[in-house]
Amino acid sequence: MSLTEPILRGERRAIARQISGIENNRPEARQVLAELYPHTGQAYLVGLTGAPGTGKSTLVNELAKAYRRENKTVAIISVDPTSPFSGGAILGDRIRMADLAGDPGVFVRSMATRGSLGGLARATADAAKVFDAAGFEIILIETVGVGQAEVEIAGLAHSVVVVEAPGLGDEVQAIKAGILEIADVFVVNKADREGASRTVAALTMMLDLTDHSLPKTVFHHGQLMEVAATVGSPSGAEPAAWRPPICKTVATQGQGIAEVVAALAEHRTYQLNNGMLVQRERERLIFEIQQMLKERLLAGLLAKASPEEVNKILEQVVERQLDPFAAVEILAKVDVK
């Protein structure tokens, strides 16, 4: 029996089964996803990223509770590092969100990165579609938080929250880190710690030096991608460029969470008024198709060569008998089973 109808009704077991099928690349899961696709496009996707130790999980937990107080249903996708033993998510973030357990309006799902670059799990985008079709209004996506490669999230979320915290190193890093270029909202968490004001000052200086009317160029799935800063508004007037606000929070105490929710609401209104959501969704889908096409072509190419042939070529590269470019040329031309 198809899982489509139970998912559309919001049945949790069906949702969990479908996401597991997506993670394991099961053919039936792909078919269900195709049937769900016409029912997507309603949810608001918020990505949260930042360096380890900034308190992203606690912030996500508090944001979920804030949205629930507004009677909005919330799905949380927590992208965890892959366990080297089981290949599954380590589930540390899910443990920290234990106080959301039992709320029928919240669904928490941990997903493993499975070695993917940028911290986003291979199936995160498809999992978001499942939650979207199931009727969840807010989808919070928390990434592993390993640095600049996290800009991949810019191609998936409608709004991106970059989380910083004082005491994690030189504040100048805030200016140099490319991850900050994709932020729609900044959060300085653990603001009760010494150095919080310096972190805010560093971010403010960076924003003062940034031309917010320029498109944001990010590296997404191996492709350079521009996220437009402004587009023509429905009225024809040029909208003012969006300047990311800086919110100070102490997530462990629930302080500043309302301000973050308000900043996200303001950014969503800005996008709606200026037609940016449509453009952002279009760009996201184009790059998603490109990534899928690249994976399909690579799989087909490797299927033409025997494992022995591939390993032989790779070994020649390791031994410096063959350079990587030549290896690619050979593999691209090979046509043996």
C-alpha atoms as a PDB file:
ATOM      1  CA  MET A   1       0.000   0.000   0.000  1.00  0.00           C
ATOM      2  CA  SER A   2       1.297   3.461  -0.918  1.00  0.00           C
ATOM      3  CA  LEU A   3       2.424   5.734   1.884  1.00  0.00           C
ATOM      4  CA  THR A   4       1.212   8.827   0.057  1.00  0.00           C
ATOM      5  CA  GLU A   5      -2.235   9.125   1.651  1.00  0.00           C
ATOM      6  CA  PRO A   6      -1.072   8.417   5.232  1.00  0.00           C
ATOM      7  CA  ILE A   7       1.674  11.025   4.828  1.00  0.00           C
ATOM      8  CA  LEU A   8      -0.781  13.606   3.520  1.00  0.00           C
ATOM      9  CA  ARG A   9      -2.880  12.894   6.607  1.00  0.00           C
ATOM     10  CA  GLY A  10       0.192  13.570   8.744  1.00  0.00           C
ATOM     11  CA  GLU A  11       0.571  10.044  10.136  1.00  0.00           C
ATOM     12  CA  ARG A  12       3.897  10.002  11.934  1.00  0.00           C
ATOM     13  CA  ARG A  13       4.773   6.368  11.302  1.00  0.00           C
ATOM     14  CA  ALA A  14       4.259   6.787   7.561  1.00  0.00           C
ATOM     15  CA  ILE A  15       6.378   9.949   7.553  1.00  0.00           C
ATOM     16  CA  ALA A  16       9.207   8.197   9.407  1.00  0.00           C
ATOM     17  CA  ARG A  17       9.049   5.179   7.094  1.00  0.00           C
ATOM     18  CA  GLN A  18       9.199   7.371   3.997  1.00  0.00           C
ATOM     19  CA  ILE A  19      12.204   9.347   5.226  1.00  0.00           C
ATOM     20  CA  SER A  20      14.009   6.103   6.066  1.00  0.00           C
ATOM     21  CA  GLY A  21      13.255   4.910   2.543  1.00  0.00           C
ATOM     22  CA  ILE A  22      14.688   8.122   1.116  1.00  0.00           C
ATOM     23  CA  GLU A  23      17.861   7.796   3.197  1.00  0.00           C
ATOM     24  CA  ASN A  24      18.331   4.222   1.985  1.00  0.00           C
ATOM     25  CA  ASN A  25      17.529   5.158  -1.628  1.00  0.00           C
ATOM     26  CA  ARG A  26      14.656   2.693  -1.975  1.00  0.00           C
ATOM     27  CA  PRO A  27      12.841   2.797  -5.356  1.00  0.00           C
ATOM     28  CA  GLU A  28       9.387   2.787  -3.736  1.00  0.00           C
ATOM     29  CA  ALA A  29      10.337   5.836  -1.670  1.00  0.00           C
ATOM     30  CA  ARG A  30      11.228   7.699  -4.833  1.00  0.00           C
ATOM     31  CA  GLN A  31       7.798   6.917  -6.294  1.00  0.00           C
ATOM     32  CA  VAL A  32       6.036   8.143  -3.150  1.00  0.00           C
ATOM     33  CA  LEU A  33       8.106  11.322  -3.266  1.00  0.00           C
ATOM     34  CA  ALA A  34       6.960  11.920  -6.841  1.00  0.00           C
ATOM     35  CA  GLU A  35       3.337  11.572  -5.726  1.00  0.00           C
ATOM     36  CA  LEU A  36       3.905  13.950  -2.811  1.00  0.00           C
ATOM     37  CA  TYR A  37       5.615  16.627  -4.880  1.00  0.00           C
ATOM     38  CA  PRO A  38       2.421  18.397  -6.092  1.00  0.00           C
ATOM     39  CA  HIS A  39       1.471  18.869  -2.426  1.00  0.00           C
ATOM     40  CA  THR A  40       4.704  20.675  -1.508  1.00  0.00           C
ATOM     41  CA  GLY A  41       5.623  24.348  -1.558  1.00  0.00           C
ATOM     42  CA  GLN A  42       3.647  25.548   1.457  1.00  0.00           C
ATOM     43  CA  ALA A  43       6.132  25.199   4.329  1.00  0.00           C
ATOM     44  CA  TYR A  44       8.584  27.858   5.501  1.00  0.00           C
ATOM     45  CA  LEU A  45      12.116  26.432   5.616  1.00  0.00           C
ATOM     46  CA  VAL A  46      14.568  27.954   8.069  1.00  0.00           C
ATOM     47  CA  GLY A  47      18.185  26.834   8.046  1.00  0.00           C
ATOM     48  CA  LEU A  48      20.405  27.255  11.092  1.00  0.00           C
ATOM     49  CA  THR A  49      24.138  26.920  10.822  1.00  0.00           C
ATOM     50  CA  GLY A  50      27.295  28.058  12.561  1.00  0.00           C
ATOM     51  CA  ALA A  51      30.404  26.807  14.281  1.00  0.00           C
ATOM     52  CA  PRO A  52      30.269  23.937  16.795  1.00  0.00           C
ATOM     53  CA  GLY A  53      29.685  25.122  20.333  1.00  0.00           C
ATOM     54  CA  THR A  54      27.429  28.043  19.482  1.00  0.00           C
ATOM     55  CA  GLY A  55      24.344  26.350  20.937  1.00  0.00           C
ATOM     56  CA  LYS A  56      22.441  25.730  17.722  1.00  0.00           C
ATOM     57  CA  SER A  57      20.495  22.750  19.075  1.00  0.00           C
ATOM     58  CA  THR A  58      19.291  24.652  22.126  1.00  0.00           C
ATOM     59  CA  LEU A  59      18.306  27.568  19.903  1.00  0.00           C
ATOM     60  CA  VAL A  60      16.365  25.255  17.575  1.00  0.00           C
ATOM     61  CA  ASN A  61      14.627  23.742  20.584  1.00  0.00           C
ATOM     62  CA  GLU A  62      13.534  27.179  21.817  1.00  0.00           C
ATOM     63  CA  LEU A  63      12.453  28.327  18.355  1.00  0.00           C
ATOM     64  CA  ALA A  64      10.280  25.232  17.998  1.00  0.00           C
ATOM     65  CA  LYS A  65       8.588  25.967  21.313  1.00  0.00           C
ATOM     66  CA  ALA A  66       8.042  29.590  20.276  1.00  0.00           C
ATOM     67  CA  TYR A  67       6.373  28.551  17.018  1.00  0.00           C
ATOM     68  CA  ARG A  68       4.232  26.036  18.888  1.00  0.00           C
ATOM     69  CA  ARG A  69       2.983  28.857  21.099  1.00  0.00           C
ATOM     70  CA  GLU A  70       1.763  30.411  17.843  1.00  0.00           C
ATOM     71  CA  ASN A  71      -0.044  27.104  17.126  1.00  0.00           C
ATOM     72  CA  LYS A  72       2.198  26.350  14.152  1.00  0.00           C
ATOM     73  CA  THR A  73       3.323  22.798  13.467  1.00  0.00           C
ATOM     74  CA  VAL A  74       7.087  22.330  13.379  1.00  0.00           C
ATOM     75  CA  ALA A  75       9.365  19.730  11.805  1.00  0.00           C
ATOM     76  CA  ILE A  76      13.029  19.664  12.806  1.00  0.00           C
ATOM     77  CA  ILE A  77      15.685  18.082  10.618  1.00  0.00           C
ATOM     78  CA  SER A  78      18.884  17.789  12.621  1.00  0.00           C
ATOM     79  CA  VAL A  79      21.775  16.811  10.401  1.00  0.00           C
ATOM     80  CA  ASP A  80      24.153  14.816  12.598  1.00  0.00           C
ATOM     81  CA  PRO A  81      27.629  13.490  11.839  1.00  0.00           C
ATOM     82  CA  THR A  82      27.629   9.896  10.662  1.00  0.00           C
ATOM     83  CA  SER A  83      28.596   7.241  13.182  1.00  0.00           C
ATOM     84  CA  PRO A  84      31.758   5.508  11.918  1.00  0.00           C
ATOM     85  CA  PHE A  85      30.388   2.199  13.168  1.00  0.00           C
ATOM     86  CA  SER A  86      26.728   2.077  12.156  1.00  0.00           C
ATOM     87  CA  GLY A  87      26.618   4.667   9.371  1.00  0.00           C
ATOM     88  CA  GLY A  88      23.652   6.288  11.112  1.00  0.00           C
ATOM     89  CA  ALA A  89      23.237   9.653  12.782  1.00  0.00           C
ATOM     90  CA  ILE A  90      24.850   9.971  16.207  1.00  0.00           C
ATOM     91  CA  LEU A  91      21.620  11.618  17.485  1.00  0.00           C
ATOM     92  CA  GLY A  92      23.275  14.020  19.901  1.00  0.00           C
ATOM     93  CA  ASP A  93      21.018  16.895  18.870  1.00  0.00           C
ATOM     94  CA  ARG A  94      17.915  14.765  19.209  1.00  0.00           C
ATOM     95  CA  ILE A  95      18.863  13.964  22.796  1.00  0.00           C
ATOM     96  CA  ARG A  96      19.177  17.678  23.547  1.00  0.00           C
ATOM     97  CA  MET A  97      15.658  18.259  22.172  1.00  0.00           C
ATOM     98  CA  ALA A  98      14.059  15.689  24.460  1.00  0.00           C
ATOM     99  CA  ASP A  99      11.694  18.224  26.008  1.00  0.00           C
ATOM    100  CA  LEU A 100       9.801  18.419  22.692  1.00  0.00           C
ATOM    101  CA  ALA A 101       8.911  14.736  22.949  1.00  0.00           C
ATOM    102  CA  GLY A 102       5.221  14.034  23.204  1.00  0.00           C
ATOM    103  CA  ASP A 103       4.112  17.156  21.343  1.00  0.00           C
ATOM    104  CA  PRO A 104       2.031  15.972  18.356  1.00  0.00           C
ATOM    105  CA  GLY A 105       2.749  19.265  16.606  1.00  0.00           C
ATOM    106  CA  VAL A 106       6.509  18.666  16.530  1.00  0.00           C
ATOM    107  CA  PHE A 107       8.426  16.044  14.561  1.00  0.00           C
ATOM    108  CA  VAL A 108      12.172  15.708  15.190  1.00  0.00           C
ATOM    109  CA  ARG A 109      14.254  13.743  12.716  1.00  0.00           C
ATOM    110  CA  SER A 110      18.011  13.224  12.902  1.00  0.00           C
ATOM    111  CA  MET A 111      19.761  12.463   9.644  1.00  0.00           C
ATOM    112  CA  ALA A 112      23.327  11.389   8.984  1.00  0.00           C
ATOM    113  CA  THR A 113      25.619  13.390   6.734  1.00  0.00           C
ATOM    114  CA  ARG A 114      26.987  10.114   5.315  1.00  0.00           C
ATOM    115  CA  GLY A 115      30.166  11.973   4.463  1.00  0.00           C
ATOM    116  CA  SER A 116      28.500  14.615   2.289  1.00  0.00           C
ATOM    117  CA  LEU A 117      30.289  17.947   2.019  1.00  0.00           C
ATOM    118  CA  GLY A 118      28.682  21.018   3.494  1.00  0.00           C
ATOM    119  CA  GLY A 119      27.035  19.201   6.393  1.00  0.00           C
ATOM    120  CA  LEU A 120      23.684  18.675   4.699  1.00  0.00           C
ATOM    121  CA  ALA A 121      22.612  15.060   4.524  1.00  0.00           C
ATOM    122  CA  ARG A 122      22.143  13.699   1.038  1.00  0.00           C
ATOM    123  CA  ALA A 123      18.416  13.280   1.591  1.00  0.00           C
ATOM    124  CA  THR A 124      17.693  16.428   3.602  1.00  0.00           C
ATOM    125  CA  ALA A 125      15.971  18.230   0.744  1.00  0.00           C
ATOM    126  CA  ASP A 126      13.697  15.243   0.105  1.00  0.00           C
ATOM    127  CA  ALA A 127      12.922  14.871   3.811  1.00  0.00           C
ATOM    128  CA  ALA A 128      11.861  18.513   3.844  1.00  0.00           C
ATOM    129  CA  LYS A 129       9.470  17.775   0.977  1.00  0.00           C
ATOM    130  CA  VAL A 130       7.892  14.956   2.996  1.00  0.00           C
ATOM    131  CA  PHE A 131       7.314  17.230   5.991  1.00  0.00           C
ATOM    132  CA  ASP A 132       6.003  19.935   3.665  1.00  0.00           C
ATOM    133  CA  ALA A 133       3.472  17.586   2.070  1.00  0.00           C
ATOM    134  CA  ALA A 134       2.483  16.288   5.516  1.00  0.00           C
ATOM    135  CA  GLY A 135       1.349  19.788   6.447  1.00  0.00           C
ATOM    136  CA  PHE A 136       4.129  21.017   8.722  1.00  0.00           C
ATOM    137  CA  GLU A 137       4.159  24.805   8.546  1.00  0.00           C
ATOM    138  CA  ILE A 138       7.692  25.449   9.809  1.00  0.00           C
ATOM    139  CA  ILE A 139      10.687  23.267   8.938  1.00  0.00           C
ATOM    140  CA  LEU A 140      13.846  23.974  10.933  1.00  0.00           C
ATOM    141  CA  ILE A 141      17.021  22.514   9.438  1.00  0.00           C
ATOM    142  CA  GLU A 142      20.075  22.431  11.693  1.00  0.00           C
ATOM    143  CA  THR A 143      23.386  21.553  10.102  1.00  0.00           C
ATOM    144  CA  VAL A 144      26.475  19.949  11.572  1.00  0.00           C
ATOM    145  CA  GLY A 145      28.287  23.263  11.784  1.00  0.00           C
ATOM    146  CA  VAL A 146      31.757  22.574  10.461  1.00  0.00           C
ATOM    147  CA  GLY A 147      32.599  25.927   8.919  1.00  0.00           C
ATOM    148  CA  GLN A 148      32.502  27.653   5.584  1.00  0.00           C
ATOM    149  CA  ALA A 149      31.202  24.649   3.627  1.00  0.00           C
ATOM    150  CA  GLU A 150      27.876  25.124   5.426  1.00  0.00           C
ATOM    151  CA  VAL A 151      26.870  27.668   2.787  1.00  0.00           C
ATOM    152  CA  GLU A 152      25.216  24.701   1.069  1.00  0.00           C
ATOM    153  CA  ILE A 153      22.203  25.424   3.253  1.00  0.00           C
ATOM    154  CA  ALA A 154      21.582  28.668   1.346  1.00  0.00           C
ATOM    155  CA  GLY A 155      20.288  26.632  -1.568  1.00  0.00           C
ATOM    156  CA  LEU A 156      17.691  24.843   0.538  1.00  0.00           C
ATOM    157  CA  ALA A 157      16.229  27.250   3.101  1.00  0.00           C
ATOM    158  CA  HIS A 158      14.031  30.282   2.569  1.00  0.00           C
ATOM    159  CA  SER A 159      15.773  32.044   5.452  1.00  0.00           C
ATOM    160  CA  VAL A 160      19.219  31.292   6.844  1.00  0.00           C
ATOM    161  CA  VAL A 161      20.169  31.926  10.466  1.00  0.00           C
ATOM    162  CA  VAL A 162      23.890  32.035  11.197  1.00  0.00           C
ATOM    163  CA  VAL A 163      24.610  31.421  14.878  1.00  0.00           C
ATOM    164  CA  GLU A 164      27.676  32.913  16.530  1.00  0.00           C
ATOM    165  CA  ALA A 165      28.841  32.888  20.143  1.00  0.00           C
ATOM    166  CA  PRO A 166      31.500  34.786  22.087  1.00  0.00           C
ATOM    167  CA  GLY A 167      34.650  33.123  23.320  1.00  0.00           C
ATOM    168  CA  LEU A 168      35.178  30.791  20.357  1.00  0.00           C
ATOM    169  CA  GLY A 169      38.161  32.616  18.900  1.00  0.00           C
ATOM    170  CA  ASP A 170      39.203  35.879  17.339  1.00  0.00           C
ATOM    171  CA  GLU A 171      36.206  38.041  16.494  1.00  0.00           C
ATOM    172  CA  VAL A 172      37.946  38.895  13.210  1.00  0.00           C
ATOM    173  CA  GLN A 173      37.051  35.369  12.096  1.00  0.00           C
ATOM    174  CA  ALA A 174      33.471  36.587  11.876  1.00  0.00           C
ATOM    175  CA  ILE A 175      34.543  38.952   9.119  1.00  0.00           C
ATOM    176  CA  LYS A 176      36.618  36.406   7.196  1.00  0.00           C
ATOM    177  CA  ALA A 177      34.241  33.469   7.336  1.00  0.00           C
ATOM    178  CA  GLY A 178      32.420  33.029   4.032  1.00  0.00           C
ATOM    179  CA  ILE A 179      29.559  31.326   5.831  1.00  0.00           C
ATOM    180  CA  LEU A 180      28.421  34.714   7.117  1.00  0.00           C
ATOM    181  CA  GLU A 181      27.823  35.932   3.585  1.00  0.00           C
ATOM    182  CA  ILE A 182      24.704  33.802   3.304  1.00  0.00           C
ATOM    183  CA  ALA A 183      23.036  34.930   6.541  1.00  0.00           C
ATOM    184  CA  ASP A 184      19.571  36.461   6.515  1.00  0.00           C
ATOM    185  CA  VAL A 185      19.546  36.720  10.304  1.00  0.00           C
ATOM    186  CA  PHE A 186      22.484  36.673  12.705  1.00  0.00           C
ATOM    187  CA  VAL A 187      22.129  35.297  16.213  1.00  0.00           C
ATOM    188  CA  VAL A 188      24.779  35.893  18.849  1.00  0.00           C
ATOM    189  CA  ASN A 189      23.908  33.143  21.305  1.00  0.00           C
ATOM    190  CA  LYS A 190      25.287  32.821  24.841  1.00  0.00           C
ATOM    191  CA  ALA A 191      25.061  36.614  24.985  1.00  0.00           C
ATOM    192  CA  ASP A 192      25.469  36.554  28.756  1.00  0.00           C
ATOM    193  CA  ARG A 193      29.113  35.591  28.306  1.00  0.00           C
ATOM    194  CA  GLU A 194      32.039  37.963  28.266  1.00  0.00           C
ATOM    195  CA  GLY A 195      32.879  39.092  24.759  1.00  0.00           C
ATOM    196  CA  ALA A 196      29.322  39.123  23.402  1.00  0.00           C
ATOM    197  CA  SER A 197      29.501  42.857  22.701  1.00  0.00           C
ATOM    198  CA  ARG A 198      32.740  42.384  20.747  1.00  0.00           C
ATOM    199  CA  THR A 199      31.125  39.666  18.639  1.00  0.00           C
ATOM    200  CA  VAL A 200      28.166  41.937  17.872  1.00  0.00           C
ATOM    201  CA  ALA A 201      30.557  44.777  17.024  1.00  0.00           C
ATOM    202  CA  ALA A 202      32.540  42.538  14.643  1.00  0.00           C
ATOM    203  CA  LEU A 203      29.367  41.449  12.854  1.00  0.00           C
ATOM    204  CA  THR A 204      28.123  45.026  12.662  1.00  0.00           C
ATOM    205  CA  MET A 205      31.409  46.146  11.123  1.00  0.00           C
ATOM    206  CA  MET A 206      31.191  43.355   8.564  1.00  0.00           C
ATOM    207  CA  LEU A 207      27.649  44.385   7.641  1.00  0.00           C
ATOM    208  CA  ASP A 208      28.715  48.012   7.328  1.00  0.00           C
ATOM    209  CA  LEU A 209      31.374  46.958   4.810  1.00  0.00           C
ATOM    210  CA  THR A 210      29.001  44.797   2.770  1.00  0.00           C
ATOM    211  CA  ASP A 211      27.029  45.948  -0.267  1.00  0.00           C
ATOM    212  CA  HIS A 212      23.694  44.272   0.456  1.00  0.00           C
ATOM    213  CA  SER A 213      22.342  45.090  -2.998  1.00  0.00           C
ATOM    214  CA  LEU A 214      24.732  42.580  -4.571  1.00  0.00           C
ATOM    215  CA  PRO A 215      23.683  38.943  -5.065  1.00  0.00           C
ATOM    216  CA  LYS A 216      25.079  36.448  -2.581  1.00  0.00           C
ATOM    217  CA  THR A 217      27.385  33.961  -4.274  1.00  0.00           C
ATOM    218  CA  VAL A 218      27.548  30.623  -2.530  1.00  0.00           C
ATOM    219  CA  PHE A 219      29.057  27.219  -3.281  1.00  0.00           C
ATOM    220  CA  HIS A 220      26.205  24.745  -3.491  1.00  0.00           C
ATOM    221  CA  HIS A 221      26.572  21.070  -4.471  1.00  0.00           C
ATOM    222  CA  GLY A 222      29.819  21.813  -6.256  1.00  0.00           C
ATOM    223  CA  GLN A 223      28.292  24.708  -8.180  1.00  0.00           C
ATOM    224  CA  LEU A 224      28.640  28.444  -7.785  1.00  0.00           C
ATOM    225  CA  MET A 225      25.189  29.759  -7.014  1.00  0.00           C
ATOM    226  CA  GLU A 226      23.925  33.305  -6.710  1.00  0.00           C
ATOM    227  CA  VAL A 227      21.120  34.074  -4.274  1.00  0.00           C
ATOM    228  CA  ALA A 228      19.753  37.412  -5.400  1.00  0.00           C
ATOM    229  CA  ALA A 229      19.734  40.114  -2.771  1.00  0.00           C
ATOM    230  CA  THR A 230      16.920  42.091  -4.377  1.00  0.00           C
ATOM    231  CA  VAL A 231      14.510  41.711  -7.272  1.00  0.00           C
ATOM    232  CA  GLY A 232      11.867  43.983  -8.655  1.00  0.00           C
ATOM    233  CA  SER A 233       8.848  44.258  -6.413  1.00  0.00           C
ATOM    234  CA  PRO A 234       5.307  43.643  -7.733  1.00  0.00           C
ATOM    235  CA  SER A 235       4.737  47.418  -7.711  1.00  0.00           C
ATOM    236  CA  GLY A 236       7.757  47.943  -9.952  1.00  0.00           C
ATOM    237  CA  ALA A 237       9.675  49.914  -7.329  1.00  0.00           C
ATOM    238  CA  GLU A 238      13.164  48.793  -6.381  1.00  0.00           C
ATOM    239  CA  PRO A 239      13.035  47.408  -2.825  1.00  0.00           C
ATOM    240  CA  ALA A 240      15.519  48.416  -0.200  1.00  0.00           C
ATOM    241  CA  ALA A 241      18.296  45.862   0.247  1.00  0.00           C
ATOM    242  CA  TRP A 242      17.850  43.464   3.155  1.00  0.00           C
ATOM    243  CA  ARG A 243      20.344  44.061   5.945  1.00  0.00           C
ATOM    244  CA  PRO A 244      20.543  41.006   8.213  1.00  0.00           C
ATOM    245  CA  PRO A 245      19.566  41.931  11.768  1.00  0.00           C
ATOM    246  CA  ILE A 246      21.686  40.812  14.723  1.00  0.00           C
ATOM    247  CA  CYS A 247      19.773  39.190  17.582  1.00  0.00           C
ATOM    248  CA  LYS A 248      21.317  38.484  20.982  1.00  0.00           C
ATOM    249  CA  THR A 249      20.050  35.364  22.745  1.00  0.00           C
ATOM    250  CA  VAL A 250      20.643  33.204  25.779  1.00  0.00           C
ATOM    251  CA  ALA A 251      18.888  30.115  24.462  1.00  0.00           C
ATOM    252  CA  THR A 252      19.340  28.095  27.643  1.00  0.00           C
ATOM    253  CA  GLN A 253      17.161  30.657  29.414  1.00  0.00           C
ATOM    254  CA  GLY A 254      14.815  31.391  26.519  1.00  0.00           C
ATOM    255  CA  GLN A 255      16.041  34.977  26.272  1.00  0.00           C
ATOM    256  CA  GLY A 256      15.887  36.751  22.912  1.00  0.00           C
ATOM    257  CA  ILE A 257      13.966  33.967  21.157  1.00  0.00           C
ATOM    258  CA  ALA A 258      10.957  36.193  20.433  1.00  0.00           C
ATOM    259  CA  GLU A 259      13.261  38.652  18.677  1.00  0.00           C
ATOM    260  CA  VAL A 260      14.618  35.888  16.425  1.00  0.00           C
ATOM    261  CA  VAL A 261      11.091  34.758  15.517  1.00  0.00           C
ATOM    262  CA  ALA A 262      10.166  38.373  14.745  1.00  0.00           C
ATOM    263  CA  ALA A 263      13.280  38.844  12.580  1.00  0.00           C
ATOM    264  CA  LEU A 264      12.453  35.699  10.588  1.00  0.00           C
ATOM    265  CA  ALA A 265       8.857  36.860  10.123  1.00  0.00           C
ATOM    266  CA  GLU A 266      10.106  40.223   8.884  1.00  0.00           C
ATOM    267  CA  HIS A 267      12.465  38.536   6.420  1.00  0.00           C
ATOM    268  CA  ARG A 268       9.685  36.306   5.108  1.00  0.00           C
ATOM    269  CA  THR A 269       7.424  39.334   4.628  1.00  0.00           C
ATOM    270  CA  TYR A 270      10.247  41.106   2.809  1.00  0.00           C
ATOM    271  CA  GLN A 271      10.667  38.127   0.477  1.00  0.00           C
ATOM    272  CA  LEU A 272       6.934  37.840  -0.193  1.00  0.00           C
ATOM    273  CA  ASN A 273       6.528  41.541  -0.912  1.00  0.00           C
ATOM    274  CA  ASN A 274       9.446  41.593  -3.346  1.00  0.00           C
ATOM    275  CA  GLY A 275       8.886  38.304  -5.160  1.00  0.00           C
ATOM    276  CA  MET A 276      12.059  36.774  -3.780  1.00  0.00           C
ATOM    277  CA  LEU A 277      10.533  33.515  -2.555  1.00  0.00           C
ATOM    278  CA  VAL A 278       9.583  32.531  -6.095  1.00  0.00           C
ATOM    279  CA  GLN A 279      13.052  33.324  -7.405  1.00  0.00           C
ATOM    280  CA  ARG A 280      14.791  31.540  -4.542  1.00  0.00           C
ATOM    281  CA  GLU A 281      12.643  28.430  -5.016  1.00  0.00           C
ATOM    282  CA  ARG A 282      13.327  28.441  -8.752  1.00  0.00           C
ATOM    283  CA  GLU A 283      17.092  28.613  -8.226  1.00  0.00           C
ATOM    284  CA  ARG A 284      16.947  25.889  -5.588  1.00  0.00           C
ATOM    285  CA  LEU A 285      15.053  23.494  -7.845  1.00  0.00           C
ATOM    286  CA  ILE A 286      17.355  24.134 -10.799  1.00  0.00           C
ATOM    287  CA  PHE A 287      20.423  23.234  -8.762  1.00  0.00           C
ATOM    288  CA  GLU A 288      18.675  20.246  -7.212  1.00  0.00           C
ATOM    289  CA  ILE A 289      17.994  18.901 -10.701  1.00  0.00           C
ATOM    290  CA  GLN A 290      21.593  19.566 -11.720  1.00  0.00           C
ATOM    291  CA  GLN A 291      22.861  17.642  -8.712  1.00  0.00           C
ATOM    292  CA  MET A 292      20.579  14.682  -9.406  1.00  0.00           C
ATOM    293  CA  LEU A 293      21.639  14.672 -13.046  1.00  0.00           C
ATOM    294  CA  LYS A 294      25.299  14.757 -12.056  1.00  0.00           C
ATOM    295  CA  GLU A 295      24.830  11.817  -9.690  1.00  0.00           C
ATOM    296  CA  ARG A 296      22.951   9.825 -12.354  1.00  0.00           C
ATOM    297  CA  LEU A 297      25.596  10.479 -15.001  1.00  0.00           C
ATOM    298  CA  LEU A 298      28.420   9.578 -12.616  1.00  0.00           C
ATOM    299  CA  ALA A 299      26.711   6.338 -11.621  1.00  0.00           C
ATOM    300  CA  GLY A 300      26.184   5.428 -15.266  1.00  0.00           C
ATOM    301  CA  LEU A 301      29.774   6.221 -16.126  1.00  0.00           C
ATOM    302  CA  LEU A 302      31.196   4.117 -13.308  1.00  0.00           C
ATOM    303  CA  ALA A 303      28.870   1.256 -14.214  1.00  0.00           C
ATOM    304  CA  LYS A 304      30.631   0.932 -17.564  1.00  0.00           C
ATOM    305  CA  ALA A 305      33.929   0.023 -15.945  1.00  0.00           C
ATOM    306  CA  SER A 306      34.667  -2.978 -13.792  1.00  0.00           C
ATOM    307  CA  PRO A 307      35.715  -2.356 -10.175  1.00  0.00           C
ATOM    308  CA  GLU A 308      39.093  -3.851 -11.044  1.00  0.00           C
ATOM    309  CA  GLU A 309      39.579  -1.333 -13.850  1.00  0.00           C
ATOM    310  CA  VAL A 310      38.605   1.595 -11.632  1.00  0.00           C
ATOM    311  CA  ASN A 311      40.835   0.437  -8.776  1.00  0.00           C
ATOM    312  CA  LYS A 312      43.756  -0.040 -11.160  1.00  0.00           C
ATOM    313  CA  ILE A 313      43.438   3.532 -12.412  1.00  0.00           C
ATOM    314  CA  LEU A 314      43.032   4.903  -8.893  1.00  0.00           C
ATOM    315  CA  GLU A 315      46.123   3.023  -7.756  1.00  0.00           C
ATOM    316  CA  GLN A 316      48.107   4.563 -10.601  1.00  0.00           C
ATOM    317  CA  VAL A 317      47.041   7.999  -9.386  1.00  0.00           C
ATOM    318  CA  VAL A 318      48.061   7.158  -5.817  1.00  0.00           C
ATOM    319  CA  GLU A 319      51.471   5.975  -7.058  1.00  0.00           C
ATOM    320  CA  ARG A 320      51.841   9.234  -9.040  1.00  0.00           C
ATOM    321  CA  GLN A 321      52.035   7.265 -12.281  1.00  0.00           C
ATOM    322  CA  LEU A 322      48.917   9.032 -13.533  1.00  0.00           C
ATOM    323  CA  ASP A 323      47.552  12.476 -12.771  1.00  0.00           C
ATOM    324  CA  PRO A 324      43.872  12.931 -11.743  1.00  0.00           C
ATOM    325  CA  PHE A 325      42.953  14.703 -14.985  1.00  0.00           C
ATOM    326  CA  ALA A 326      44.280  11.828 -17.081  1.00  0.00           C
ATOM    327  CA  ALA A 327      42.452   9.346 -14.836  1.00  0.00           C
ATOM    328  CA  VAL A 328      39.170  11.143 -15.436  1.00  0.00           C
ATOM    329  CA  GLU A 329      39.777  11.142 -19.189  1.00  0.00           C
ATOM    330  CA  ILE A 330      40.396   7.385 -19.153  1.00  0.00           C
ATOM    331  CA  LEU A 331      37.317   6.634 -17.035  1.00  0.00           C
ATOM    332  CA  ALA A 332      35.161   8.883 -19.197  1.00  0.00           C
ATOM    333  CA  LYS A 333      36.125   6.931 -22.312  1.00  0.00           C
ATOM    334  CA  VAL A 334      36.056   3.408 -20.882  1.00  0.00           C
ATOM    335  CA  ASP A 335      33.241   1.283 -22.270  1.00  0.00           C
ATOM    336  CA  VAL A 336      33.781  -2.175 -20.839  1.00  0.00           C
ATOM    337  CA  LYS A 337      31.727  -4.178 -18.340  1.00  0.00           C
END
